[in-house]
Amino acid sequence: MIISASRRTDIPAYYSEWFFNRLREGFVLVRNPRNFHSVSRIKLSPEVVDGIVLWSKNPAPMFDDLELLRDYAYYFQFSLTPYGRDIEPNLPSKNEELVSTFKRLSDLIGVDRVIWRYDPILVNARYTVEYHIRAFSKIAEELRRFTRRVTISFIDTKYRVIKHNIKELALLDFSVQTQTELARDLAEIAHAHGLTIDTCAEKLDLKQFGIGHASCVDDNLLEKLLGASLRVEKDKSQRVECACKTSIDIGMYNTCRNGCRYCYANYSHGSVDANFAKHNPNSPLISGEVGADDVVYDRTVHSCRDFRLLLNEP
């Protein structure tokens, strides 16, 4: 089993104490996003967890307790974009803080465990194509010794919540041709800095520029970190273009306080505030407690490590 922590919220930034308490106790409770009162109990012991993917824009609150992850294979998807507070209102300064946070995390856990995400890419009068080229080049120069890979994506406005959130951003037309040309330029910059570049859940075929399709929940990387083979299928719950492997997400929608305008995981600022107010780091749930109307069931989980393959190795 691979744990995703989390596509639904920034656990490292806002719920790190809770997360480490869950590892200590060996289980977590997760509400079904489609059925609030259906709660799954998921084991988190190293015997069944083959890897943990941590998604964050500011993982600094985790730094003092990273030793608690020593028995797990894990890595970070670290989003670092060039946007200001008009788009990412609650993040610390990129230049003054987050670039240094990225570097420190890499120094603490190694370059293979920190993947740079430059996504989503959007364009308007302020954040033009030329702006992205300059910004990407500057960040790549800063991070080139602290990561091996950068993942890009272009904003997808088909989500209803995103359409509502981005109304005031006055986005410009972002044609396939423009996206392709920008991807080409970003690839040249990435390669010049020794970085592999890929795309997240994009239909565009950009292999002519040396750009692959990312598997953000990456069994190959986890195999490398584990020193073992994994038998994991593609995650069928994600978009067709997504190459991620199957994982279990332990986050909750409407709990992330980053406030990013392009986010699909928050659709109500009031709900975010209410859910965060109910957060108890000692609760098995990320928000609130188990109630009388809740039905808790044990989710069947198991390791996907393939020891037969290991036995056949020379």
Protein backbone atom coordinates (compact mmCIF):
# COMPACT_ATOMS: atom_id res chain seq x y z
CA MET A 1 0.00 0.00 0.00
CA ILE A 2 1.17 3.48 -0.88
CA ILE A 3 -0.04 6.40 1.23
CA SER A 4 -0.74 9.80 -0.36
CA ALA A 5 -0.47 12.63 2.16
CA SER A 6 -2.16 14.35 0.47
CA ARG A 7 -3.67 15.56 -2.77
CA ARG A 8 -6.62 16.88 -0.74
CA THR A 9 -4.74 19.16 1.66
CA ASP A 10 -1.27 20.30 2.71
CA ILE A 11 -0.60 17.90 5.57
CA PRO A 12 3.08 18.86 6.05
CA ALA A 13 2.27 22.57 6.35
CA TYR A 14 -0.79 22.40 8.62
CA TYR A 15 -1.19 18.92 10.06
CA SER A 16 2.32 17.60 10.64
CA GLU A 17 1.84 16.97 14.37
CA TRP A 18 -1.32 15.02 13.62
CA PHE A 19 0.44 13.04 10.89
CA PHE A 20 3.31 11.98 13.12
CA ASN A 21 0.86 11.06 15.90
CA ARG A 22 -0.87 8.78 13.40
CA LEU A 23 2.43 7.07 12.57
CA ARG A 24 3.12 6.59 16.28
CA GLU A 25 -0.28 5.01 16.88
CA GLY A 26 -0.10 2.95 13.69
CA PHE A 27 -3.43 3.87 12.11
CA VAL A 28 -5.50 6.72 10.71
CA LEU A 29 -9.22 7.32 10.20
CA VAL A 30 -10.35 8.81 6.88
CA ARG A 31 -13.84 9.96 5.94
CA ASN A 32 -15.19 8.94 2.56
CA PRO A 33 -15.43 12.17 0.50
CA ARG A 34 -18.72 10.94 -1.00
CA ASN A 35 -20.22 9.59 2.24
CA PHE A 36 -19.29 11.69 5.27
CA HIS A 37 -20.35 9.15 7.89
CA SER A 38 -18.43 6.28 6.29
CA VAL A 39 -15.03 6.20 7.97
CA SER A 40 -12.20 3.83 7.07
CA ARG A 41 -9.57 2.73 9.53
CA ILE A 42 -6.23 2.32 7.75
CA LYS A 43 -3.17 0.66 9.22
CA LEU A 44 0.04 2.69 8.94
CA SER A 45 2.63 0.19 10.12
CA PRO A 46 5.82 -0.17 8.05
CA GLU A 47 4.86 -3.77 7.38
CA VAL A 48 1.95 -2.73 5.15
CA VAL A 49 3.02 0.75 3.99
CA ASP A 50 5.30 0.47 0.96
CA GLY A 51 5.77 4.19 0.64
CA ILE A 52 4.47 7.62 1.56
CA VAL A 53 4.14 10.49 -0.92
CA LEU A 54 4.01 13.85 0.86
CA TRP A 55 2.58 16.79 -1.11
CA SER A 56 3.33 20.28 0.15
CA LYS A 57 4.04 23.91 -0.56
CA ASN A 58 5.75 24.39 2.79
CA PRO A 59 6.98 21.25 4.58
CA ALA A 60 9.10 23.15 7.14
CA PRO A 61 6.83 22.20 10.10
CA MET A 62 7.89 18.58 9.58
CA PHE A 63 11.61 19.13 9.81
CA ASP A 64 12.07 18.45 13.52
CA ASP A 65 10.33 15.06 13.33
CA LEU A 66 11.53 13.62 10.02
CA GLU A 67 13.35 10.91 11.98
CA LEU A 68 9.93 9.37 12.64
CA LEU A 69 9.84 8.44 8.94
CA ARG A 70 13.04 6.40 9.14
CA ASP A 71 11.22 3.07 8.81
CA TYR A 72 9.32 4.16 5.68
CA ALA A 73 10.17 4.80 2.06
CA TYR A 74 8.99 8.32 1.37
CA TYR A 75 9.51 11.41 -0.73
CA PHE A 76 8.11 14.91 -1.13
CA GLN A 77 6.29 16.52 -4.02
CA PHE A 78 7.30 20.14 -3.26
CA SER A 79 5.32 22.75 -5.23
CA LEU A 80 7.35 25.93 -5.76
CA THR A 81 5.85 28.41 -8.21
CA PRO A 82 6.54 32.08 -9.00
CA TYR A 83 3.10 33.38 -8.04
CA GLY A 84 2.45 36.15 -5.54
CA ARG A 85 -0.25 36.41 -2.92
CA ASP A 86 -2.81 37.35 -5.53
CA ILE A 87 -2.83 33.64 -6.42
CA GLU A 88 -1.24 31.91 -3.41
CA PRO A 89 -2.30 34.24 -0.59
CA ASN A 90 -1.17 32.35 2.50
CA LEU A 91 2.28 31.11 1.52
CA PRO A 92 5.52 32.50 2.93
CA SER A 93 7.80 34.47 0.62
CA LYS A 94 9.30 32.31 -2.12
CA ASN A 95 12.64 34.15 -2.28
CA GLU A 96 13.03 34.80 1.43
CA GLU A 97 11.80 31.49 2.80
CA LEU A 98 10.52 28.71 0.56
CA VAL A 99 13.59 28.36 -1.68
CA SER A 100 15.66 27.94 1.49
CA THR A 101 13.09 25.47 2.84
CA PHE A 102 13.44 23.39 -0.31
CA LYS A 103 17.22 23.36 0.00
CA ARG A 104 17.16 22.44 3.67
CA LEU A 105 14.74 19.58 3.06
CA SER A 106 17.00 18.25 0.33
CA ASP A 107 20.01 18.48 2.64
CA LEU A 108 18.10 16.60 5.34
CA ILE A 109 16.72 13.71 3.27
CA GLY A 110 18.62 13.73 -0.05
CA VAL A 111 18.00 15.02 -3.57
CA ASP A 112 16.15 11.89 -4.70
CA ARG A 113 13.41 12.45 -2.11
CA VAL A 114 12.48 16.01 -3.12
CA ILE A 115 10.71 16.57 -6.45
CA TRP A 116 10.13 20.12 -7.61
CA ARG A 117 6.65 20.88 -8.94
CA TYR A 118 6.18 23.97 -11.09
CA ASP A 119 2.44 23.71 -11.46
CA PRO A 120 -0.09 24.66 -12.45
CA ILE A 121 1.10 27.09 -15.10
CA LEU A 122 -1.41 29.84 -15.87
CA VAL A 123 -1.07 33.05 -17.83
CA ASN A 124 -2.59 36.49 -17.43
CA ALA A 125 -1.42 40.08 -17.80
CA ARG A 126 1.00 39.71 -14.90
CA TYR A 127 2.11 36.10 -15.30
CA THR A 128 2.93 36.04 -18.98
CA VAL A 129 4.76 33.36 -20.92
CA GLU A 130 7.92 35.47 -20.76
CA TYR A 131 7.45 35.84 -17.00
CA HIS A 132 7.31 32.06 -16.60
CA ILE A 133 10.48 31.57 -18.64
CA ARG A 134 12.39 34.04 -16.47
CA ALA A 135 10.96 32.71 -13.21
CA PHE A 136 11.50 29.05 -14.09
CA SER A 137 15.10 29.79 -15.04
CA LYS A 138 15.73 31.59 -11.76
CA ILE A 139 14.22 28.81 -9.62
CA ALA A 140 16.00 26.08 -11.62
CA GLU A 141 19.30 27.82 -11.01
CA GLU A 142 18.57 27.87 -7.27
CA LEU A 143 17.43 24.25 -7.03
CA ARG A 144 19.69 22.48 -9.51
CA ARG A 145 21.85 20.90 -6.79
CA PHE A 146 18.90 20.07 -4.55
CA THR A 147 16.63 17.97 -6.80
CA ARG A 148 16.86 15.81 -9.88
CA ARG A 149 13.41 16.31 -11.35
CA VAL A 150 10.85 19.00 -12.11
CA THR A 151 7.21 18.31 -12.94
CA ILE A 152 5.08 20.84 -14.80
CA SER A 153 1.41 21.08 -15.69
CA PHE A 154 -0.94 23.61 -17.24
CA ILE A 155 -4.01 24.83 -15.41
CA ASP A 156 -7.13 22.79 -16.04
CA THR A 157 -10.20 24.99 -15.67
CA LYS A 158 -12.82 22.31 -16.21
CA TYR A 159 -13.32 21.88 -12.45
CA ARG A 160 -16.34 23.93 -11.34
CA VAL A 161 -14.63 25.11 -8.16
CA ILE A 162 -11.62 26.37 -10.11
CA LYS A 163 -13.85 28.36 -12.46
CA HIS A 164 -15.32 30.12 -9.44
CA ASN A 165 -11.97 30.77 -7.75
CA ILE A 166 -10.16 32.19 -10.77
CA LYS A 167 -12.79 34.67 -11.93
CA GLU A 168 -10.77 37.66 -10.75
CA LEU A 169 -7.47 36.46 -12.26
CA ALA A 170 -8.44 37.43 -15.83
CA LEU A 171 -6.67 34.46 -17.38
CA LEU A 172 -5.55 34.82 -20.97
CA ASP A 173 -6.10 32.26 -23.71
CA PHE A 174 -3.55 29.48 -23.31
CA SER A 175 -3.59 27.60 -26.59
CA VAL A 176 -2.06 24.20 -27.16
CA GLN A 177 0.54 25.81 -29.41
CA THR A 178 1.52 28.29 -26.71
CA GLN A 179 1.70 25.53 -24.11
CA THR A 180 3.87 23.45 -26.40
CA GLU A 181 6.25 26.31 -27.11
CA LEU A 182 6.52 27.19 -23.42
CA ALA A 183 7.15 23.54 -22.53
CA ARG A 184 9.95 23.46 -25.11
CA ASP A 185 11.59 26.51 -23.54
CA LEU A 186 11.22 25.16 -20.00
CA ALA A 187 12.72 21.85 -21.09
CA GLU A 188 15.78 23.63 -22.48
CA ILE A 189 16.24 25.40 -19.15
CA ALA A 190 15.71 22.25 -17.08
CA HIS A 191 18.14 20.20 -19.15
CA ALA A 192 20.74 22.98 -19.00
CA HIS A 193 20.57 22.70 -15.21
CA GLY A 194 20.79 18.90 -15.21
CA LEU A 195 17.12 18.33 -14.37
CA THR A 196 14.75 15.74 -15.77
CA ILE A 197 11.43 17.31 -16.73
CA ASP A 198 8.01 15.70 -17.07
CA THR A 199 4.34 16.66 -17.12
CA CYS A 200 1.56 15.82 -14.69
CA ALA A 201 -1.63 14.41 -16.24
CA GLU A 202 -1.22 16.25 -19.55
CA LYS A 203 -2.55 15.05 -22.90
CA LEU A 204 0.26 16.85 -24.74
CA ASP A 205 2.94 14.59 -26.18
CA LEU A 206 6.15 16.52 -25.59
CA LYS A 207 8.71 13.74 -25.90
CA GLN A 208 10.36 15.56 -28.82
CA PHE A 209 11.60 18.05 -26.19
CA GLY A 210 12.73 15.35 -23.79
CA ILE A 211 9.64 15.75 -21.61
CA GLY A 212 8.05 12.58 -20.28
CA HIS A 213 4.76 11.83 -18.52
CA ALA A 214 5.13 11.93 -14.75
CA SER A 215 4.04 9.27 -12.32
CA CYS A 216 3.79 11.48 -9.25
CA VAL A 217 2.98 8.43 -7.13
CA ASP A 218 6.02 6.69 -8.49
CA ASP A 219 6.58 2.98 -7.92
CA ASN A 220 10.01 3.14 -9.58
CA LEU A 221 11.26 5.73 -7.11
CA LEU A 222 9.76 3.84 -4.18
CA GLU A 223 11.40 0.64 -5.36
CA LYS A 224 14.72 2.45 -5.37
CA LEU A 225 14.14 3.79 -1.86
CA LEU A 226 12.85 0.44 -0.57
CA GLY A 227 15.43 -1.72 -2.24
CA ALA A 228 12.53 -4.01 -3.20
CA SER A 229 10.22 -4.64 -6.14
CA LEU A 230 6.59 -3.52 -6.07
CA ARG A 231 3.53 -4.86 -7.86
CA VAL A 232 1.24 -1.83 -8.05
CA GLU A 233 -1.39 -1.01 -10.65
CA LYS A 234 -2.20 2.32 -12.24
CA ASP A 235 -4.59 4.40 -10.14
CA LYS A 236 -7.90 4.07 -11.98
CA SER A 237 -9.54 6.74 -9.82
CA GLN A 238 -7.36 9.46 -11.34
CA ARG A 239 -7.67 11.11 -14.75
CA VAL A 240 -6.91 8.99 -17.81
CA GLU A 241 -3.73 11.00 -18.48
CA CYS A 242 -2.47 10.45 -14.92
CA ALA A 243 0.26 7.82 -14.68
CA CYS A 244 0.22 7.57 -10.90
CA LYS A 245 0.14 4.21 -9.18
CA THR A 246 -2.67 3.27 -6.81
CA SER A 247 -2.49 4.93 -3.41
CA ILE A 248 -4.72 5.68 -0.43
CA ASP A 249 -5.18 9.35 0.36
CA ILE A 250 -5.42 10.19 4.06
CA GLY A 251 -6.34 13.87 3.65
CA MET A 252 -9.68 15.66 3.59
CA TYR A 253 -11.12 18.24 1.20
CA ASN A 254 -11.79 21.75 2.50
CA THR A 255 -8.99 21.66 5.06
CA CYS A 256 -6.05 23.33 3.28
CA ARG A 257 -5.29 26.86 4.45
CA ASN A 258 -2.93 27.82 1.63
CA GLY A 259 -5.88 29.44 -0.15
CA CYS A 260 -4.49 28.97 -3.67
CA ARG A 261 -6.90 30.33 -6.26
CA TYR A 262 -6.38 27.41 -8.64
CA CYS A 263 -7.03 24.71 -6.03
CA TYR A 264 -9.68 22.06 -6.73
CA ALA A 265 -9.55 20.64 -3.17
CA ASN A 266 -11.24 23.63 -1.48
CA TYR A 267 -14.67 24.77 -2.60
CA SER A 268 -15.78 26.68 0.51
CA HIS A 269 -13.67 29.09 2.59
CA GLY A 270 -16.21 28.76 5.38
CA SER A 271 -15.84 24.98 5.39
CA VAL A 272 -12.06 25.28 5.49
CA ASP A 273 -12.23 27.52 8.55
CA ALA A 274 -14.79 25.26 10.25
CA ASN A 275 -12.86 22.07 9.55
CA PHE A 276 -9.58 23.59 10.70
CA ALA A 277 -11.22 24.81 13.91
CA LYS A 278 -12.24 21.21 14.65
CA HIS A 279 -8.73 19.87 14.10
CA ASN A 280 -7.29 18.00 17.07
CA PRO A 281 -3.74 16.68 16.58
CA ASN A 282 -4.57 13.77 18.88
CA SER A 283 -7.68 12.68 16.99
CA PRO A 284 -7.42 9.82 14.52
CA LEU A 285 -9.41 12.04 12.09
CA ILE A 286 -7.77 15.06 10.50
CA SER A 287 -10.83 17.13 11.46
CA GLY A 288 -13.25 16.46 14.29
CA GLU A 289 -14.00 13.25 16.14
CA VAL A 290 -15.91 10.06 15.44
CA GLY A 291 -19.61 10.66 16.07
CA ALA A 292 -22.60 8.50 16.87
CA ASP A 293 -23.73 8.52 13.25
CA ASP A 294 -20.36 7.40 11.90
CA VAL A 295 -19.70 3.86 10.74
CA VAL A 296 -16.05 2.86 11.08
CA TYR A 297 -14.72 -0.10 9.15
CA ASP A 298 -11.26 -1.60 8.80
CA ARG A 299 -9.95 -1.14 5.29
CA THR A 300 -8.13 -4.20 3.97
CA VAL A 301 -4.56 -3.21 3.16
CA HIS A 302 -1.40 -5.14 2.41
CA SER A 303 2.14 -4.67 1.23
CA CYS A 304 2.72 -4.75 -2.52
CA ARG A 305 6.34 -5.79 -2.21
CA ASP A 306 7.09 -8.72 -4.49
CA PHE A 307 9.53 -10.93 -2.66
CA ARG A 308 9.45 -13.50 -5.45
CA LEU A 309 11.25 -11.04 -7.71
CA LEU A 310 13.80 -10.41 -5.00
CA LEU A 311 14.51 -14.12 -4.68
CA ASN A 312 15.20 -14.34 -8.43
CA GLU A 313 17.76 -11.55 -8.39
CA PRO A 314 21.39 -12.64 -8.85
